[in-house]
Amino acid sequence: MDPSLLESLRALTAQPVALEKLKSVVSEHHVSRPLVAADLLELTESIAISGVHPRLLLYHLRSACGLEPVPGSDRVVEWLREYPGEIGQVMGFDLRTCRLVYSDWSVTAPEFIPPQQYDDPHGFTERIWKGIRASGAVAAIGGYNHIRPAYGGGLFAADGGARTLHLGLDVFAEPGSPVFAPLDGVVHSVADNAAPFDYGPCLVLEHRPRAEMPCFYTLYGHLAAEVLELQPGQPIRKGTQVAQLGNFPENGNWPPHLHVQLVLDMLDKRGDFWGSCHPAHFEVWLSLCPDANLTAQVPVHLFPVVPPEQRCCPESAGRAVARGPDGTVFDACGQRLERSQR
């Protein structure tokens, strides 16, 4: 390990936006003097950033060097894609075959919904159910890796803006709808995340379908309180009903829906995990949380394709694409802009 690199990184750890600066320094060093996985592990054992879990820091530095951010993530994704027949239903209706409608909360939605309207769970729920009824659907879905300006306030704050990139898959259905385990596993943890716009009651299951595979987790948010009776370590068989959908305000004050998410490393959290990230960190977070539709198996044609000119990327950041009724402007990454930038 180059002592000068370690010294440079230690000097940066207390500075604002330290993570971005560390990644830049490591990336530049890697170009001229390549770092291997063991070097990066040694670095993260020798430095610390307040509020950043050591393994999350490791994943960021691996990404900065062009390595798979979370080791084993690609293997889990490969297995889920190769063996879809071993995955059971998540809901009482088959998401692979039933009629579904997409509920678009994105900044690029044809009918942009400003964040203020999310504060009215009655009106928000009726808007979603109106779309379900009009299309003759069984349920509505919301997409993974989609930008949502809905996420505001301190709960979704991040360095440089807001955590607007959704890391799970949503299924909007009637409260009380049953939720099933799609794979064998054990209860990792349960918790009631009772803050407004949080998960409410939440369940995390731990899975290892093959002995040679890394374990991974499935998270289920916005549930009814009965799920809190489950005990950590309790075995769960595929097809077992594990929960029911909660109603607002019990479920975090959202329209009744299931948030399901894949997680490769819980980073020592229990009954909770970040359900969105800042778009600038997407490579790390999409490796940490692969597409939950690998378990839900909703037909991919139901998810909208964002036009190239409206996609979240460094070039589109800061360019206005939507405006709320109060004049608030958003860019393609769902970040609020100063009105002067319109």
Protein backbone atom coordinates (compact mmCIF):
# COMPACT_ATOMS: atom_id res chain seq x y z
CA MET A 1 0.00 0.00 0.00
CA ASP A 2 1.28 3.46 -0.93
CA PRO A 3 1.62 5.40 2.38
CA SER A 4 1.16 8.71 0.57
CA LEU A 5 -2.24 7.59 -0.75
CA LEU A 6 -3.39 6.63 2.74
CA GLU A 7 -2.16 9.95 4.11
CA SER A 8 -4.03 11.85 1.38
CA LEU A 9 -7.24 9.98 2.07
CA ARG A 10 -7.06 10.50 5.82
CA ALA A 11 -6.70 14.23 5.23
CA LEU A 12 -9.95 14.23 3.24
CA THR A 13 -12.19 12.26 5.57
CA ALA A 14 -13.40 15.22 7.62
CA GLN A 15 -14.01 17.51 4.65
CA PRO A 16 -17.45 18.23 3.12
CA VAL A 17 -18.48 15.68 0.47
CA ALA A 18 -15.57 13.53 1.67
CA LEU A 19 -16.84 10.38 -0.07
CA GLU A 20 -16.78 11.98 -3.52
CA LYS A 21 -13.29 13.36 -2.93
CA LEU A 22 -11.97 10.01 -1.73
CA LYS A 23 -13.39 8.23 -4.75
CA SER A 24 -11.79 10.77 -7.08
CA VAL A 25 -8.36 10.43 -5.47
CA VAL A 26 -8.53 6.62 -5.47
CA SER A 27 -9.71 6.54 -9.09
CA GLU A 28 -6.85 8.78 -10.23
CA HIS A 29 -4.32 6.72 -8.28
CA HIS A 30 -5.70 3.50 -9.78
CA VAL A 31 -5.03 4.76 -13.32
CA SER A 32 -1.30 5.09 -12.77
CA ARG A 33 -0.78 2.55 -9.97
CA PRO A 34 -3.56 -0.06 -10.10
CA LEU A 35 -5.16 -1.12 -6.83
CA VAL A 36 -6.44 -4.64 -6.22
CA ALA A 37 -9.31 -5.74 -3.96
CA ALA A 38 -6.95 -6.41 -1.02
CA ASP A 39 -5.53 -2.88 -1.28
CA LEU A 40 -9.00 -1.35 -1.11
CA LEU A 41 -9.93 -3.49 1.87
CA GLU A 42 -6.78 -2.34 3.65
CA LEU A 43 -7.66 1.28 2.87
CA THR A 44 -11.15 1.03 4.33
CA GLU A 45 -9.74 -0.60 7.46
CA SER A 46 -7.49 2.43 7.90
CA ILE A 47 -9.85 5.34 7.23
CA ALA A 48 -13.40 6.27 8.21
CA ILE A 49 -16.05 8.76 7.10
CA SER A 50 -18.69 9.81 9.59
CA GLY A 51 -22.07 8.32 8.71
CA VAL A 52 -20.69 5.94 6.06
CA HIS A 53 -20.59 2.24 6.96
CA PRO A 54 -17.06 0.79 6.42
CA ARG A 55 -18.31 -1.82 3.93
CA LEU A 56 -20.30 0.80 2.03
CA LEU A 57 -17.11 2.85 1.79
CA LEU A 58 -15.35 -0.26 0.45
CA TYR A 59 -18.03 -0.71 -2.21
CA HIS A 60 -17.65 2.91 -3.30
CA LEU A 61 -13.87 2.56 -3.60
CA ARG A 62 -14.22 -0.70 -5.54
CA SER A 63 -16.59 1.09 -7.93
CA ALA A 64 -14.09 3.93 -8.33
CA CYS A 65 -11.54 1.35 -9.51
CA GLY A 66 -13.91 -0.32 -11.97
CA LEU A 67 -14.48 -3.44 -9.84
CA GLU A 68 -17.86 -5.01 -9.10
CA PRO A 69 -18.95 -2.75 -6.24
CA VAL A 70 -20.50 -5.49 -4.07
CA PRO A 71 -18.69 -8.81 -4.49
CA GLY A 72 -21.14 -11.60 -5.29
CA SER A 73 -23.92 -9.33 -6.57
CA ASP A 74 -23.52 -10.53 -10.17
CA ARG A 75 -23.64 -14.17 -9.02
CA VAL A 76 -26.94 -13.63 -7.23
CA VAL A 77 -28.42 -11.84 -10.25
CA GLU A 78 -27.20 -14.61 -12.56
CA TRP A 79 -28.84 -17.31 -10.40
CA LEU A 80 -32.16 -15.46 -10.19
CA ARG A 81 -32.20 -15.01 -13.95
CA GLU A 82 -31.20 -18.60 -14.65
CA TYR A 83 -33.73 -20.25 -12.31
CA PRO A 84 -36.97 -18.20 -12.42
CA GLY A 85 -38.97 -21.41 -11.94
CA GLU A 86 -37.59 -21.76 -8.41
CA ILE A 87 -39.05 -18.39 -7.41
CA GLY A 88 -42.58 -18.29 -6.00
CA GLN A 89 -45.22 -15.57 -6.08
CA VAL A 90 -44.79 -12.49 -3.91
CA MET A 91 -48.50 -11.59 -3.92
CA GLY A 92 -51.72 -13.60 -3.90
CA PHE A 93 -52.14 -12.76 -7.61
CA ASP A 94 -49.52 -13.82 -10.15
CA LEU A 95 -47.57 -10.72 -11.18
CA ARG A 96 -46.29 -12.59 -14.24
CA THR A 97 -49.73 -13.02 -15.79
CA CYS A 98 -52.36 -10.78 -14.16
CA ARG A 99 -53.43 -7.44 -15.61
CA LEU A 100 -51.31 -4.61 -14.20
CA VAL A 101 -51.02 -0.88 -14.80
CA TYR A 102 -47.92 1.25 -14.26
CA SER A 103 -48.20 4.08 -11.72
CA ASP A 104 -45.72 6.70 -12.87
CA TRP A 105 -44.37 8.96 -10.10
CA SER A 106 -41.32 9.99 -12.06
CA VAL A 107 -40.17 13.46 -12.93
CA THR A 108 -40.67 12.52 -16.60
CA ALA A 109 -44.25 11.22 -16.14
CA PRO A 110 -46.72 12.47 -18.78
CA GLU A 111 -48.79 13.86 -15.91
CA PHE A 112 -46.17 15.15 -13.49
CA ILE A 113 -47.31 14.87 -9.86
CA PRO A 114 -45.62 17.50 -7.67
CA PRO A 115 -44.32 16.30 -4.29
CA GLN A 116 -46.86 18.31 -2.30
CA GLN A 117 -49.63 15.98 -3.49
CA TYR A 118 -47.95 13.01 -1.79
CA ASP A 119 -48.81 14.59 1.56
CA ASP A 120 -52.49 13.70 0.97
CA PRO A 121 -52.64 9.88 1.25
CA HIS A 122 -56.41 9.84 0.59
CA GLY A 123 -56.11 11.77 -2.68
CA PHE A 124 -52.91 9.98 -3.66
CA THR A 125 -54.53 6.57 -3.10
CA GLU A 126 -57.64 7.52 -5.05
CA ARG A 127 -55.48 8.69 -7.98
CA ILE A 128 -53.74 5.31 -8.13
CA TRP A 129 -56.96 3.32 -7.73
CA LYS A 130 -58.63 5.38 -10.44
CA GLY A 131 -55.90 4.23 -12.82
CA ILE A 132 -56.33 0.62 -11.70
CA ARG A 133 -60.10 0.71 -12.23
CA ALA A 134 -59.87 2.50 -15.59
CA SER A 135 -57.57 -0.16 -17.01
CA GLY A 136 -59.40 -3.13 -15.49
CA ALA A 137 -56.19 -4.08 -13.70
CA VAL A 138 -55.70 -6.14 -10.57
CA ALA A 139 -53.00 -3.86 -9.20
CA ALA A 140 -50.59 -1.06 -10.09
CA ILE A 141 -46.82 -1.26 -10.09
CA GLY A 142 -43.99 1.20 -9.60
CA GLY A 143 -40.54 0.67 -11.01
CA TYR A 144 -37.01 -0.05 -9.86
CA ASN A 145 -34.21 2.33 -10.86
CA HIS A 146 -36.74 5.09 -11.60
CA ILE A 147 -36.34 8.73 -10.56
CA ARG A 148 -38.98 10.02 -8.14
CA PRO A 149 -39.06 13.66 -7.02
CA ALA A 150 -41.61 12.55 -4.39
CA TYR A 151 -38.79 11.86 -2.01
CA GLY A 152 -38.14 15.06 -0.08
CA GLY A 153 -37.57 16.20 3.45
CA GLY A 154 -34.95 15.10 5.94
CA LEU A 155 -35.75 11.39 5.63
CA PHE A 156 -34.45 11.35 2.04
CA ALA A 157 -31.64 13.91 2.34
CA ALA A 158 -28.23 13.08 0.91
CA ASP A 159 -24.98 14.95 0.31
CA GLY A 160 -25.56 17.00 -2.80
CA GLY A 161 -29.36 16.69 -2.89
CA ALA A 162 -32.05 14.09 -2.29
CA ARG A 163 -32.24 10.30 -2.59
CA THR A 164 -34.56 10.19 -5.61
CA LEU A 165 -33.55 6.91 -7.29
CA HIS A 166 -35.97 4.13 -6.28
CA LEU A 167 -34.25 0.86 -5.28
CA GLY A 168 -37.30 -1.38 -4.96
CA LEU A 169 -40.38 -2.50 -6.86
CA ASP A 170 -43.83 -1.35 -5.72
CA VAL A 171 -47.12 -3.25 -5.98
CA PHE A 172 -50.23 -1.20 -5.16
CA ALA A 173 -53.11 -3.35 -3.95
CA GLU A 174 -55.86 -3.41 -1.34
CA PRO A 175 -54.81 -3.22 2.32
CA GLY A 176 -54.86 -6.68 3.83
CA SER A 177 -53.61 -8.28 0.59
CA PRO A 178 -51.37 -11.24 1.49
CA VAL A 179 -47.61 -11.19 0.93
CA PHE A 180 -45.72 -14.45 0.37
CA ALA A 181 -42.09 -15.54 0.62
CA PRO A 182 -40.80 -16.20 -2.91
CA LEU A 183 -37.91 -18.36 -1.67
CA ASP A 184 -36.97 -20.49 1.31
CA GLY A 185 -35.21 -18.51 4.02
CA VAL A 186 -35.26 -17.30 7.58
CA VAL A 187 -36.53 -14.13 9.19
CA HIS A 188 -33.58 -11.78 9.40
CA SER A 189 -35.41 -8.97 11.19
CA VAL A 190 -38.64 -6.99 11.60
CA ALA A 191 -39.16 -3.42 12.75
CA ASP A 192 -41.77 -0.69 12.79
CA ASN A 193 -40.27 2.30 10.98
CA ALA A 194 -42.92 4.71 12.13
CA ALA A 195 -41.62 8.06 10.82
CA PRO A 196 -43.85 9.74 8.19
CA PHE A 197 -43.03 8.40 4.69
CA ASP A 198 -40.91 5.59 6.11
CA TYR A 199 -41.71 1.86 5.72
CA GLY A 200 -43.99 1.44 8.71
CA PRO A 201 -43.86 -2.28 9.64
CA CYS A 202 -41.08 -3.92 7.65
CA LEU A 203 -39.83 -7.50 7.22
CA VAL A 204 -36.43 -8.70 6.00
CA LEU A 205 -35.88 -12.34 4.96
CA GLU A 206 -32.48 -13.94 4.46
CA HIS A 207 -31.91 -16.44 1.63
CA ARG A 208 -29.17 -18.75 0.38
CA PRO A 209 -30.64 -20.97 -2.37
CA ARG A 210 -27.30 -22.70 -3.00
CA ALA A 211 -24.52 -23.40 -0.52
CA GLU A 212 -21.93 -21.98 -2.91
CA MET A 213 -23.82 -18.69 -3.30
CA PRO A 214 -23.54 -15.60 -1.13
CA CYS A 215 -26.62 -15.03 1.00
CA PHE A 216 -28.94 -12.18 0.08
CA TYR A 217 -32.01 -10.54 1.54
CA THR A 218 -35.51 -9.58 0.46
CA LEU A 219 -37.13 -6.63 2.18
CA TYR A 220 -40.90 -6.02 2.37
CA GLY A 221 -42.09 -2.57 3.47
CA HIS A 222 -45.43 -0.87 4.25
CA LEU A 223 -46.97 -3.92 5.92
CA ALA A 224 -49.67 -4.45 8.54
CA ALA A 225 -48.47 -4.54 12.14
CA GLU A 226 -49.05 -8.30 12.58
CA VAL A 227 -45.75 -8.95 10.79
CA LEU A 228 -43.93 -7.66 13.87
CA GLU A 229 -44.84 -10.91 15.63
CA LEU A 230 -42.34 -12.85 13.49
CA GLN A 231 -39.11 -13.78 15.24
CA PRO A 232 -35.55 -13.43 13.89
CA GLY A 233 -34.18 -16.82 12.88
CA GLN A 234 -37.65 -18.25 12.25
CA PRO A 235 -37.55 -20.56 9.18
CA ILE A 236 -39.78 -19.54 6.28
CA ARG A 237 -40.68 -21.82 3.38
CA LYS A 238 -41.31 -20.63 -0.16
CA GLY A 239 -45.01 -19.90 -0.62
CA THR A 240 -45.63 -19.14 3.07
CA GLN A 241 -47.75 -16.08 3.74
CA VAL A 242 -45.48 -13.82 5.78
CA ALA A 243 -47.46 -10.56 5.95
CA GLN A 244 -50.35 -8.42 4.75
CA LEU A 245 -50.31 -4.96 3.20
CA GLY A 246 -50.89 -2.17 5.68
CA ASN A 247 -53.08 0.89 5.26
CA PHE A 248 -52.20 4.49 5.94
CA PRO A 249 -51.14 5.90 8.34
CA GLU A 250 -49.82 2.61 9.79
CA ASN A 251 -47.75 1.89 6.66
CA GLY A 252 -45.76 5.14 6.73
CA ASN A 253 -48.74 7.16 5.43
CA TRP A 254 -48.44 5.92 1.84
CA PRO A 255 -51.14 4.51 -0.44
CA PRO A 256 -51.44 0.79 0.38
CA HIS A 257 -48.65 -1.00 -1.44
CA LEU A 258 -45.78 -3.43 -1.07
CA HIS A 259 -42.23 -2.18 -1.46
CA VAL A 260 -40.08 -5.24 -2.22
CA GLN A 261 -36.32 -4.90 -2.50
CA LEU A 262 -33.29 -7.13 -2.94
CA VAL A 263 -30.29 -6.39 -0.70
CA LEU A 264 -26.86 -8.02 -0.85
CA ASP A 265 -25.51 -6.57 2.41
CA MET A 266 -27.74 -5.17 5.16
CA LEU A 267 -24.82 -3.07 6.47
CA ASP A 268 -25.81 -4.08 10.02
CA LYS A 269 -29.30 -2.60 9.71
CA ARG A 270 -32.28 -4.59 10.98
CA GLY A 271 -35.88 -4.30 9.81
CA ASP A 272 -34.93 -1.33 7.69
CA PHE A 273 -32.77 -0.37 4.72
CA TRP A 274 -32.49 2.57 2.37
CA GLY A 275 -35.19 2.31 -0.31
CA SER A 276 -33.73 5.04 -2.50
CA CYS A 277 -30.34 6.58 -3.23
CA HIS A 278 -28.79 9.70 -4.70
CA PRO A 279 -28.53 9.19 -8.48
CA ALA A 280 -24.83 10.09 -8.45
CA HIS A 281 -24.14 6.85 -6.52
CA PHE A 282 -26.26 4.56 -8.68
CA GLU A 283 -23.48 2.12 -9.62
CA VAL A 284 -22.84 1.17 -6.00
CA TRP A 285 -26.48 1.07 -4.91
CA LEU A 286 -27.74 -0.91 -7.91
CA SER A 287 -25.03 -3.48 -7.15
CA LEU A 288 -26.00 -3.49 -3.47
CA CYS A 289 -29.71 -3.68 -4.36
CA PRO A 290 -30.26 -5.51 -7.68
CA ASP A 291 -33.60 -5.38 -9.47
CA ALA A 292 -36.33 -6.79 -7.20
CA ASN A 293 -38.27 -7.73 -10.32
CA LEU A 294 -35.94 -10.72 -10.52
CA THR A 295 -38.19 -12.16 -7.79
CA ALA A 296 -41.51 -10.42 -8.64
CA GLN A 297 -41.21 -11.24 -12.38
CA VAL A 298 -43.49 -8.47 -13.70
CA PRO A 299 -43.32 -8.47 -17.54
CA VAL A 300 -40.70 -5.87 -18.46
CA HIS A 301 -42.81 -4.31 -21.22
CA LEU A 302 -45.05 -2.79 -18.53
CA PHE A 303 -42.27 -0.46 -17.39
CA PRO A 304 -41.92 2.79 -19.36
CA VAL A 305 -38.82 3.63 -21.35
CA VAL A 306 -37.49 7.09 -20.51
CA PRO A 307 -36.53 9.07 -23.65
CA PRO A 308 -32.75 9.70 -23.90
CA GLU A 309 -33.17 13.45 -23.52
CA GLN A 310 -35.01 12.96 -20.22
CA ARG A 311 -32.73 10.39 -18.59
CA CYS A 312 -30.87 11.12 -15.40
CA CYS A 313 -27.17 11.51 -16.21
CA PRO A 314 -24.37 14.01 -15.53
CA GLU A 315 -25.32 15.90 -18.69
CA SER A 316 -28.98 16.30 -17.66
CA ALA A 317 -28.29 17.19 -14.03
CA GLY A 318 -29.25 20.78 -13.42
CA ARG A 319 -31.40 21.06 -16.56
CA ALA A 320 -35.07 21.69 -15.81
CA VAL A 321 -37.53 19.08 -17.11
CA ALA A 322 -40.57 19.55 -14.86
CA ARG A 323 -42.22 22.26 -12.80
CA GLY A 324 -44.70 22.03 -9.94
CA PRO A 325 -47.69 24.37 -9.50
CA ASP A 326 -45.77 26.38 -6.89
CA GLY A 327 -42.99 27.07 -9.39
CA THR A 328 -40.54 24.52 -7.98
CA VAL A 329 -38.35 23.19 -10.78
CA PHE A 330 -36.85 19.67 -11.03
CA ASP A 331 -34.11 18.25 -13.20
CA ALA A 332 -34.11 14.78 -14.78
CA CYS A 333 -32.51 13.37 -11.62
CA GLY A 334 -35.43 14.58 -9.50
CA GLN A 335 -33.38 17.25 -7.75
CA ARG A 336 -34.97 20.56 -6.87
CA LEU A 337 -33.48 23.53 -8.71
CA GLU A 338 -33.44 27.20 -7.93
CA ARG A 339 -36.25 28.93 -9.78
CA SER A 340 -33.70 31.10 -11.55
CA GLN A 341 -32.48 27.97 -13.36
CA ARG A 342 -35.74 27.45 -15.22
